[in-house]
């Protein structure tokens, strides 16, 4: 009977302190060089309003076609 292969999850090697500091210095979210309000509120709101407008546009097109 065949057996399931073992997953190689969570088997990454430990990092050195230098690698950790380099990662903390270069990672976008760890550095914090962004505006969270813009990234997590403004952009999704603009996308949501645009999709709502497209939905209303499809309603109008459907009312003319059907």
PDB file of N, CA and C in Angstrom:
ATOM      1  N   UNK A   1       0.845  -1.172   0.000  1.00  0.00           N
ATOM      2  CA  UNK A   1       0.000   0.000   0.000  1.00  0.00           C
ATOM      3  C   UNK A   1       0.896   1.241   0.000  1.00  0.00           C
ATOM      4  N   UNK A   2       0.636   2.205  -0.908  1.00  0.00           N
ATOM      5  CA  UNK A   2       1.493   3.400  -0.958  1.00  0.00           C
ATOM      6  C   UNK A   2       1.268   4.290   0.270  1.00  0.00           C
ATOM      7  N   UNK A   3       2.319   4.938   0.700  1.00  0.00           N
ATOM      8  CA  UNK A   3       2.215   5.847   1.843  1.00  0.00           C
ATOM      9  C   UNK A   3       2.341   7.285   1.364  1.00  0.00           C
ATOM     10  N   UNK A   4       1.793   8.176   2.132  1.00  0.00           N
ATOM     11  CA  UNK A   4       1.856   9.585   1.782  1.00  0.00           C
ATOM     12  C   UNK A   4       3.259  10.113   2.044  1.00  0.00           C
ATOM     13  N   UNK A   5       3.740  10.969   1.139  1.00  0.00           N
ATOM     14  CA  UNK A   5       5.060  11.550   1.309  1.00  0.00           C
ATOM     15  C   UNK A   5       5.047  12.559   2.450  1.00  0.00           C
ATOM     16  N   UNK A   6       6.179  12.694   3.091  1.00  0.00           N
ATOM     17  CA  UNK A   6       6.303  13.635   4.197  1.00  0.00           C
ATOM     18  C   UNK A   6       6.469  15.044   3.647  1.00  0.00           C
ATOM     19  N   UNK A   7       5.744  16.006   4.215  1.00  0.00           N
ATOM     20  CA  UNK A   7       5.879  17.390   3.811  1.00  0.00           C
ATOM     21  C   UNK A   7       7.100  18.005   4.490  1.00  0.00           C
ATOM     22  N   UNK A   8       7.800  18.829   3.759  1.00  0.00           N
ATOM     23  CA  UNK A   8       9.004  19.458   4.298  1.00  0.00           C
ATOM     24  C   UNK A   8       8.696  20.877   4.787  1.00  0.00           C
ATOM     25  N   UNK A   9       7.649  21.005   5.568  1.00  0.00           N
ATOM     26  CA  UNK A   9       7.269  22.307   6.104  1.00  0.00           C
ATOM     27  C   UNK A   9       8.006  22.569   7.409  1.00  0.00           C
ATOM     28  N   UNK A  10       8.295  23.814   7.640  1.00  0.00           N
ATOM     29  CA  UNK A  10       8.941  24.254   8.882  1.00  0.00           C
ATOM     30  C   UNK A  10      10.269  23.541   9.128  1.00  0.00           C
ATOM     31  N   UNK A  11      11.007  23.301   8.093  1.00  0.00           N
ATOM     32  CA  UNK A  11      12.315  22.678   8.249  1.00  0.00           C
ATOM     33  C   UNK A  11      13.397  23.598   7.692  1.00  0.00           C
ATOM     34  N   UNK A  12      13.157  24.893   7.780  1.00  0.00           N
ATOM     35  CA  UNK A  12      14.143  25.848   7.278  1.00  0.00           C
ATOM     36  C   UNK A  12      15.266  25.999   8.306  1.00  0.00           C
ATOM     37  N   UNK A  13      16.459  26.298   7.845  1.00  0.00           N
ATOM     38  CA  UNK A  13      17.566  26.451   8.786  1.00  0.00           C
ATOM     39  C   UNK A  13      17.421  27.753   9.576  1.00  0.00           C
ATOM     40  N   UNK A  14      17.974  27.755  10.769  1.00  0.00           N
ATOM     41  CA  UNK A  14      17.962  28.969  11.578  1.00  0.00           C
ATOM     42  C   UNK A  14      18.858  30.013  10.931  1.00  0.00           C
ATOM     43  N   UNK A  15      18.460  31.273  11.091  1.00  0.00           N
ATOM     44  CA  UNK A  15      19.254  32.348  10.513  1.00  0.00           C
ATOM     45  C   UNK A  15      20.295  32.834  11.526  1.00  0.00           C
ATOM     46  N   UNK A  16      21.319  33.432  10.993  1.00  0.00           N
ATOM     47  CA  UNK A  16      22.349  34.029  11.846  1.00  0.00           C
ATOM     48  C   UNK A  16      21.852  35.401  12.299  1.00  0.00           C
ATOM     49  N   UNK A  17      22.431  35.956  13.344  1.00  0.00           N
ATOM     50  CA  UNK A  17      22.021  37.306  13.762  1.00  0.00           C
ATOM     51  C   UNK A  17      22.211  38.343  12.654  1.00  0.00           C
ATOM     52  N   UNK A  18      23.231  38.169  11.824  1.00  0.00           N
ATOM     53  CA  UNK A  18      23.457  39.107  10.721  1.00  0.00           C
ATOM     54  C   UNK A  18      22.346  38.990   9.676  1.00  0.00           C
ATOM     55  N   UNK A  19      21.925  37.766   9.374  1.00  0.00           N
ATOM     56  CA  UNK A  19      20.844  37.563   8.412  1.00  0.00           C
ATOM     57  C   UNK A  19      19.535  38.142   8.947  1.00  0.00           C
ATOM     58  N   UNK A  20      19.319  37.978  10.238  1.00  0.00           N
ATOM     59  CA  UNK A  20      18.112  38.516  10.855  1.00  0.00           C
ATOM     60  C   UNK A  20      18.092  40.044  10.767  1.00  0.00           C
ATOM     61  N   UNK A  21      19.194  40.676  11.103  1.00  0.00           N
ATOM     62  CA  UNK A  21      19.260  42.143  11.044  1.00  0.00           C
ATOM     63  C   UNK A  21      19.108  42.643   9.615  1.00  0.00           C
ATOM     64  N   UNK A  22      19.681  41.930   8.652  1.00  0.00           N
ATOM     65  CA  UNK A  22      19.536  42.316   7.242  1.00  0.00           C
ATOM     66  C   UNK A  22      18.073  42.203   6.811  1.00  0.00           C
ATOM     67  N   UNK A  23      17.417  41.137   7.234  1.00  0.00           N
ATOM     68  CA  UNK A  23      16.004  40.961   6.904  1.00  0.00           C
ATOM     69  C   UNK A  23      15.161  42.073   7.519  1.00  0.00           C
ATOM     70  N   UNK A  24      15.401  42.407   8.788  1.00  0.00           N
ATOM     71  CA  UNK A  24      14.645  43.466   9.452  1.00  0.00           C
ATOM     72  C   UNK A  24      14.875  44.820   8.787  1.00  0.00           C
ATOM     73  N   UNK A  25      16.088  45.031   8.268  1.00  0.00           N
ATOM     74  CA  UNK A  25      16.406  46.314   7.627  1.00  0.00           C
ATOM     75  C   UNK A  25      15.821  46.402   6.227  1.00  0.00           C
ATOM     76  N   UNK A  26      15.660  45.278   5.539  1.00  0.00           N
ATOM     77  CA  UNK A  26      15.233  45.308   4.136  1.00  0.00           C
ATOM     78  C   UNK A  26      13.770  44.947   3.925  1.00  0.00           C
ATOM     79  N   UNK A  27      13.102  44.372   4.902  1.00  0.00           N
ATOM     80  CA  UNK A  27      11.716  43.961   4.733  1.00  0.00           C
ATOM     81  C   UNK A  27      10.807  45.183   4.740  1.00  0.00           C
ATOM     82  N   UNK A  28       9.884  45.248   3.758  1.00  0.00           N
ATOM     83  CA  UNK A  28       9.017  46.422   3.592  1.00  0.00           C
ATOM     84  C   UNK A  28       8.155  46.668   4.823  1.00  0.00           C
ATOM     85  N   UNK A  29       7.503  45.641   5.347  1.00  0.00           N
ATOM     86  CA  UNK A  29       6.613  45.820   6.485  1.00  0.00           C
ATOM     87  C   UNK A  29       7.374  45.966   7.801  1.00  0.00           C
ATOM     88  N   UNK A  30       8.539  45.355   7.917  1.00  0.00           N
ATOM     89  CA  UNK A  30       9.310  45.479   9.149  1.00  0.00           C
ATOM     90  C   UNK A  30       9.915  46.869   9.306  1.00  0.00           C
ATOM     91  N   UNK A  31      10.311  47.474   8.182  1.00  0.00           N
ATOM     92  CA  UNK A  31      10.893  48.809   8.250  1.00  0.00           C
ATOM     93  C   UNK A  31       9.869  49.843   8.677  1.00  0.00           C
ATOM     94  N   UNK A  32       8.637  49.670   8.215  1.00  0.00           N
ATOM     95  CA  UNK A  32       7.599  50.631   8.561  1.00  0.00           C
ATOM     96  C   UNK A  32       7.683  51.911   7.760  1.00  0.00           C
ATOM     97  N   UNK A  33       8.316  51.871   6.583  1.00  0.00           N
ATOM     98  CA  UNK A  33       8.436  53.056   5.734  1.00  0.00           C
ATOM     99  C   UNK A  33       7.222  53.215   4.829  1.00  0.00           C
ATOM    100  N   UNK A  34       6.040  53.007   5.363  1.00  0.00           N
ATOM    101  CA  UNK A  34       4.823  53.158   4.574  1.00  0.00           C
ATOM    102  C   UNK A  34       3.743  53.737   5.469  1.00  0.00           C
ATOM    103  N   UNK A  35       2.710  54.266   4.827  1.00  0.00           N
ATOM    104  CA  UNK A  35       1.589  54.824   5.571  1.00  0.00           C
ATOM    105  C   UNK A  35       0.510  53.751   5.672  1.00  0.00           C
ATOM    106  N   UNK A  36       0.285  53.179   6.845  1.00  0.00           N
ATOM    107  CA  UNK A  36      -0.698  52.102   6.968  1.00  0.00           C
ATOM    108  C   UNK A  36      -2.112  52.539   6.589  1.00  0.00           C
ATOM    109  N   UNK A  37      -2.464  53.790   6.860  1.00  0.00           N
ATOM    110  CA  UNK A  37      -3.793  54.270   6.503  1.00  0.00           C
ATOM    111  C   UNK A  37      -3.989  54.189   4.997  1.00  0.00           C
ATOM    112  N   UNK A  38      -3.004  54.628   4.247  1.00  0.00           N
ATOM    113  CA  UNK A  38      -3.119  54.594   2.790  1.00  0.00           C
ATOM    114  C   UNK A  38      -3.128  53.165   2.279  1.00  0.00           C
ATOM    115  N   UNK A  39      -2.251  52.339   2.802  1.00  0.00           N
ATOM    116  CA  UNK A  39      -2.103  50.981   2.295  1.00  0.00           C
ATOM    117  C   UNK A  39      -3.296  50.099   2.635  1.00  0.00           C
ATOM    118  N   UNK A  40      -3.823  50.207   3.839  1.00  0.00           N
ATOM    119  CA  UNK A  40      -4.862  49.288   4.290  1.00  0.00           C
ATOM    120  C   UNK A  40      -6.273  49.873   4.301  1.00  0.00           C
ATOM    121  N   UNK A  41      -6.409  51.183   4.066  1.00  0.00           N
ATOM    122  CA  UNK A  41      -7.733  51.796   4.086  1.00  0.00           C
ATOM    123  C   UNK A  41      -8.058  52.480   2.758  1.00  0.00           C
ATOM    124  N   UNK A  42      -7.197  53.371   2.308  1.00  0.00           N
ATOM    125  CA  UNK A  42      -7.507  54.181   1.128  1.00  0.00           C
ATOM    126  C   UNK A  42      -7.544  53.326  -0.140  1.00  0.00           C
ATOM    127  N   UNK A  43      -6.535  52.524  -0.375  1.00  0.00           N
ATOM    128  CA  UNK A  43      -6.496  51.710  -1.593  1.00  0.00           C
ATOM    129  C   UNK A  43      -7.671  50.728  -1.642  1.00  0.00           C
ATOM    130  N   UNK A  44      -7.962  49.951  -0.588  1.00  0.00           N
ATOM    131  CA  UNK A  44      -9.132  49.072  -0.649  1.00  0.00           C
ATOM    132  C   UNK A  44     -10.449  49.841  -0.813  1.00  0.00           C
ATOM    133  N   UNK A  45     -10.563  51.032  -0.229  1.00  0.00           N
ATOM    134  CA  UNK A  45     -11.787  51.816  -0.379  1.00  0.00           C
ATOM    135  C   UNK A  45     -11.969  52.262  -1.819  1.00  0.00           C
ATOM    136  N   UNK A  46     -10.908  52.704  -2.449  1.00  0.00           N
ATOM    137  CA  UNK A  46     -10.984  53.113  -3.860  1.00  0.00           C
ATOM    138  C   UNK A  46     -11.379  51.927  -4.726  1.00  0.00           C
ATOM    139  N   UNK A  47     -10.799  50.780  -4.481  1.00  0.00           N
ATOM    140  CA  UNK A  47     -11.145  49.584  -5.253  1.00  0.00           C
ATOM    141  C   UNK A  47     -12.610  49.224  -5.038  1.00  0.00           C
ATOM    142  N   UNK A  48     -13.081  49.285  -3.791  1.00  0.00           N
ATOM    143  CA  UNK A  48     -14.460  48.929  -3.495  1.00  0.00           C
ATOM    144  C   UNK A  48     -15.438  49.902  -4.158  1.00  0.00           C
ATOM    145  N   UNK A  49     -15.166  51.192  -4.119  1.00  0.00           N
ATOM    146  CA  UNK A  49     -16.039  52.182  -4.761  1.00  0.00           C
ATOM    147  C   UNK A  49     -16.033  51.984  -6.272  1.00  0.00           C
ATOM    148  N   UNK A  50     -14.869  51.693  -6.850  1.00  0.00           N
ATOM    149  CA  UNK A  50     -14.802  51.447  -8.294  1.00  0.00           C
ATOM    150  C   UNK A  50     -15.611  50.213  -8.672  1.00  0.00           C
ATOM    151  N   UNK A  51     -15.516  49.158  -7.892  1.00  0.00           N
ATOM    152  CA  UNK A  51     -16.289  47.949  -8.199  1.00  0.00           C
ATOM    153  C   UNK A  51     -17.791  48.194  -8.050  1.00  0.00           C
ATOM    154  N   UNK A  52     -18.184  49.005  -7.071  1.00  0.00           N
ATOM    155  CA  UNK A  52     -19.597  49.346  -6.912  1.00  0.00           C
ATOM    156  C   UNK A  52     -20.089  50.133  -8.120  1.00  0.00           C
ATOM    157  N   UNK A  53     -19.272  51.064  -8.601  1.00  0.00           N
ATOM    158  CA  UNK A  53     -19.625  51.818  -9.804  1.00  0.00           C
ATOM    159  C   UNK A  53     -19.750  50.919 -11.015  1.00  0.00           C
ATOM    160  N   UNK A  54     -18.848  49.964 -11.155  1.00  0.00           N
ATOM    161  CA  UNK A  54     -18.948  49.015 -12.270  1.00  0.00           C
ATOM    162  C   UNK A  54     -20.213  48.163 -12.148  1.00  0.00           C
ATOM    163  N   UNK A  55     -20.555  47.772 -10.943  1.00  0.00           N
ATOM    164  CA  UNK A  55     -21.769  46.986 -10.740  1.00  0.00           C
ATOM    165  C   UNK A  55     -22.998  47.800 -11.156  1.00  0.00           C
ATOM    166  N   UNK A  56     -23.057  49.064 -10.757  1.00  0.00           N
ATOM    167  CA  UNK A  56     -24.177  49.916 -11.162  1.00  0.00           C
ATOM    168  C   UNK A  56     -24.206  50.104 -12.674  1.00  0.00           C
ATOM    169  N   UNK A  57     -23.036  50.207 -13.276  1.00  0.00           N
ATOM    170  CA  UNK A  57     -22.965  50.316 -14.730  1.00  0.00           C
ATOM    171  C   UNK A  57     -23.520  49.080 -15.424  1.00  0.00           C
ATOM    172  N   UNK A  58     -23.249  47.924 -14.901  1.00  0.00           N
ATOM    173  CA  UNK A  58     -23.783  46.682 -15.459  1.00  0.00           C
ATOM    174  C   UNK A  58     -25.302  46.647 -15.276  1.00  0.00           C
ATOM    175  N   UNK A  59     -25.799  47.146 -14.150  1.00  0.00           N
ATOM    176  CA  UNK A  59     -27.254  47.221 -13.958  1.00  0.00           C
ATOM    177  C   UNK A  59     -27.890  48.078 -15.041  1.00  0.00           C
ATOM    178  N   UNK A  60     -27.289  49.224 -15.343  1.00  0.00           N
ATOM    179  CA  UNK A  60     -27.825  50.125 -16.364  1.00  0.00           C
ATOM    180  C   UNK A  60     -27.779  49.453 -17.732  1.00  0.00           C
ATOM    181  N   UNK A  61     -26.661  48.838 -18.063  1.00  0.00           N
ATOM    182  CA  UNK A  61     -26.548  48.149 -19.349  1.00  0.00           C
ATOM    183  C   UNK A  61     -27.570  47.036 -19.450  1.00  0.00           C
ATOM    184  N   UNK A  62     -27.771  46.274 -18.385  1.00  0.00           N
ATOM    185  CA  UNK A  62     -28.765  45.203 -18.392  1.00  0.00           C
ATOM    186  C   UNK A  62     -30.182  45.735 -18.543  1.00  0.00           C
ATOM    187  N   UNK A  63     -30.447  46.896 -17.963  1.00  0.00           N
ATOM    188  CA  UNK A  63     -31.797  47.452 -18.082  1.00  0.00           C
ATOM    189  C   UNK A  63     -32.095  47.867 -19.523  1.00  0.00           C
ATOM    190  N   UNK A  64     -31.071  48.289 -20.262  1.00  0.00           N
ATOM    191  CA  UNK A  64     -31.276  48.643 -21.660  1.00  0.00           C
ATOM    192  C   UNK A  64     -31.348  47.411 -22.562  1.00  0.00           C
ATOM    193  N   UNK A  65     -30.600  46.375 -22.236  1.00  0.00           N
ATOM    194  CA  UNK A  65     -30.557  45.185 -23.084  1.00  0.00           C
ATOM    195  C   UNK A  65     -31.719  44.238 -22.822  1.00  0.00           C
ATOM    196  N   UNK A  66     -32.146  44.133 -21.600  1.00  0.00           N
ATOM    197  CA  UNK A  66     -33.177  43.149 -21.261  1.00  0.00           C
ATOM    198  C   UNK A  66     -34.396  43.885 -20.808  1.00  0.00           C
TER     199      UNK A  66
END
